[in-house]
């Protein structure tokens, strides 16, 4: 079996609660390409539940948010035909996120996120994302990511330290 190339492994210095490898109390999601979709499989802990056995909605929104921001970065690199370790370095932040909660998401089962890039236009990337629990879609989101960092244009950024 081929080892997955997780987007977050190519983001040194990332202390984000959702996707940061360097946040030891964070969610530490891992996203990768599966064809034209990005995928994240995440396993929760009891402390992230809302109602007993159900994932907290804010945590689910955070998972979707971080998964799509990392997908935006990876999609920008992919569109330029380059590897995630190449320069310039890009980073994205949420422009808008709209989450529709359709059904409860189990907290004690793996949660699967699948994001699809709909459009790349300049610094803006539009995506859709679904969350699945035991193969059932429990939430869907429309997300716009905005490029907030480009290492070729900002030499004094914290990403260069």
Protein backbone atom coordinates (compact mmCIF):
# COMPACT_ATOMS: atom_id res chain seq x y z
CA UNK A 1 0.00 0.00 0.00
CA UNK A 2 1.31 3.43 -0.98
CA UNK A 3 1.91 5.89 1.86
CA UNK A 4 -0.33 8.98 1.71
CA UNK A 5 1.19 12.42 1.12
CA UNK A 6 -0.58 14.49 3.78
CA UNK A 7 -0.87 18.21 3.02
CA UNK A 8 -0.24 19.14 6.65
CA UNK A 9 3.19 17.46 6.62
CA UNK A 10 4.28 20.23 4.24
CA UNK A 11 3.29 23.14 6.48
CA UNK A 12 6.17 23.75 8.92
CA UNK A 13 5.42 26.09 11.80
CA UNK A 14 1.67 25.43 11.64
CA UNK A 15 0.15 25.75 15.12
CA UNK A 16 -3.49 25.88 14.01
CA UNK A 17 -5.93 24.12 16.36
CA UNK A 18 -7.43 22.09 13.52
CA UNK A 19 -4.60 21.31 11.14
CA UNK A 20 -1.38 22.26 12.90
CA UNK A 21 1.17 19.53 13.44
CA UNK A 22 2.81 21.76 16.06
CA UNK A 23 -0.32 22.19 18.20
CA UNK A 24 -0.13 19.29 20.64
CA UNK A 25 -3.66 19.96 21.95
CA UNK A 26 -5.20 20.38 18.50
CA UNK A 27 -7.22 18.12 16.23
CA UNK A 28 -4.25 17.26 13.95
CA UNK A 29 -6.25 16.44 10.83
CA UNK A 30 -4.52 14.78 7.88
CA UNK A 31 -5.68 15.51 4.34
CA UNK A 32 -4.59 13.90 1.07
CA UNK A 33 -5.61 13.64 -2.58
CA UNK A 34 -7.88 10.82 -3.73
CA UNK A 35 -8.16 11.59 -7.43
CA UNK A 36 -9.73 15.03 -7.75
CA UNK A 37 -11.07 15.04 -4.19
CA UNK A 38 -9.19 15.71 -0.99
CA UNK A 39 -9.96 13.33 1.85
CA UNK A 40 -9.55 13.47 5.61
CA UNK A 41 -10.40 10.60 7.93
CA UNK A 42 -10.50 11.77 11.52
CA UNK A 43 -11.25 9.96 14.77
CA UNK A 44 -12.75 11.99 17.58
CA UNK A 45 -12.43 11.77 21.33
CA UNK A 46 -15.13 11.94 23.99
CA UNK A 47 -14.19 15.53 24.86
CA UNK A 48 -15.36 16.69 21.41
CA UNK A 49 -18.95 15.52 21.74
CA UNK A 50 -21.98 17.77 21.99
CA UNK A 51 -24.86 15.51 22.95
CA UNK A 52 -23.78 12.10 24.21
CA UNK A 53 -22.26 10.16 21.31
CA UNK A 54 -22.67 13.05 18.83
CA UNK A 55 -19.84 15.29 17.59
CA UNK A 56 -20.02 18.95 18.60
CA UNK A 57 -21.09 21.08 15.62
CA UNK A 58 -18.33 23.64 16.15
CA UNK A 59 -15.71 20.91 16.02
CA UNK A 60 -17.25 19.61 12.79
CA UNK A 61 -17.14 23.13 11.31
CA UNK A 62 -13.48 23.41 12.38
CA UNK A 63 -12.68 20.09 10.70
CA UNK A 64 -14.33 21.26 7.46
CA UNK A 65 -12.66 24.67 7.68
CA UNK A 66 -9.13 23.33 8.19
CA UNK A 67 -9.54 20.51 5.68
CA UNK A 68 -10.63 22.95 2.97
CA UNK A 69 -7.92 25.53 3.75
CA UNK A 70 -5.26 22.84 3.40
CA UNK A 71 -7.00 21.62 0.26
CA UNK A 72 -6.87 25.15 -1.17
CA UNK A 73 -3.11 25.27 -0.61
CA UNK A 74 -2.62 21.85 -2.19
CA UNK A 75 -4.90 22.75 -5.11
CA UNK A 76 -2.93 25.92 -5.83
CA UNK A 77 0.32 23.94 -5.95
CA UNK A 78 -1.33 21.25 -8.07
CA UNK A 79 -2.65 23.87 -10.52
CA UNK A 80 0.91 25.14 -10.92
CA UNK A 81 2.21 21.60 -11.46
CA UNK A 82 4.47 21.57 -8.43
CA UNK A 83 5.08 19.58 -5.24
CA UNK A 84 3.90 20.67 -1.80
CA UNK A 85 7.51 21.19 -0.65
CA UNK A 86 8.26 23.67 -3.43
CA UNK A 87 8.41 27.45 -3.35
CA UNK A 88 6.81 29.88 -3.27
CA UNK A 89 4.91 28.90 -0.14
CA UNK A 90 1.19 29.72 -0.08
CA UNK A 91 -1.23 29.82 2.83
CA UNK A 92 -4.99 30.31 2.81
CA UNK A 93 -7.61 31.61 5.25
CA UNK A 94 -11.36 31.29 5.25
CA UNK A 95 -13.19 33.95 3.24
CA UNK A 96 -16.60 32.38 3.80
CA UNK A 97 -17.88 29.07 5.08
CA UNK A 98 -21.47 27.92 5.03
CA UNK A 99 -22.16 24.62 6.76
CA UNK A 100 -25.49 22.79 6.53
CA UNK A 101 -25.91 20.20 9.25
CA UNK A 102 -28.07 17.44 7.80
CA UNK A 103 -27.88 14.62 10.37
CA UNK A 104 -26.04 13.93 13.61
CA UNK A 105 -22.38 12.97 13.20
CA UNK A 106 -21.37 10.12 15.47
CA UNK A 107 -18.55 10.99 17.83
CA UNK A 108 -17.36 7.40 18.33
CA UNK A 109 -16.98 6.52 14.62
CA UNK A 110 -14.41 7.77 12.08
CA UNK A 111 -15.48 10.98 10.35
CA UNK A 112 -14.70 11.31 6.66
CA UNK A 113 -14.40 14.66 4.91
CA UNK A 114 -14.36 14.98 1.11
CA UNK A 115 -13.65 18.32 -0.55
CA UNK A 116 -13.83 19.23 -4.22
CA UNK A 117 -12.31 22.33 -5.79
CA UNK A 118 -14.93 24.07 -7.91
CA UNK A 119 -12.95 27.10 -9.08
CA UNK A 120 -9.55 28.72 -8.76
CA UNK A 121 -9.63 32.41 -9.65
CA UNK A 122 -6.63 34.50 -8.66
CA UNK A 123 -6.21 34.38 -4.88
CA UNK A 124 -9.68 32.86 -4.37
CA UNK A 125 -10.49 29.14 -4.36
CA UNK A 126 -14.09 27.93 -4.14
CA UNK A 127 -14.78 24.44 -2.79
CA UNK A 128 -17.54 22.15 -1.63
CA UNK A 129 -17.07 19.69 1.21
CA UNK A 130 -19.13 16.91 2.72
CA UNK A 131 -18.80 15.16 6.06
CA UNK A 132 -19.72 11.50 6.34
CA UNK A 133 -20.39 9.29 9.34
CA UNK A 134 -20.59 5.58 8.57
CA UNK A 135 -20.98 6.45 4.88
CA UNK A 136 -23.93 8.81 5.46
CA UNK A 137 -23.58 12.51 4.57
CA UNK A 138 -24.14 14.42 7.81
CA UNK A 139 -23.08 17.91 6.70
CA UNK A 140 -22.26 19.78 3.53
CA UNK A 141 -20.39 23.04 3.14
CA UNK A 142 -19.55 25.68 0.58
CA UNK A 143 -16.23 27.35 1.29
CA UNK A 144 -14.20 30.18 -0.20
CA UNK A 145 -10.50 30.27 0.64
CA UNK A 146 -8.45 33.42 0.15
CA UNK A 147 -4.68 33.32 -0.32
CA UNK A 148 -3.25 35.36 2.56
CA UNK A 149 0.41 34.53 2.12
CA UNK A 150 2.77 34.12 -0.83
CA UNK A 151 6.44 33.78 0.15
CA UNK A 152 7.57 35.27 -3.16
CA UNK A 153 5.91 38.57 -2.20
CA UNK A 154 6.43 38.78 1.58
CA UNK A 155 10.02 38.28 2.74
CA UNK A 156 9.28 39.28 6.35
CA UNK A 157 6.59 36.71 7.03
CA UNK A 158 6.61 34.36 9.98
CA UNK A 159 6.56 31.50 7.47
CA UNK A 160 10.14 32.31 6.45
CA UNK A 161 11.57 32.08 9.97
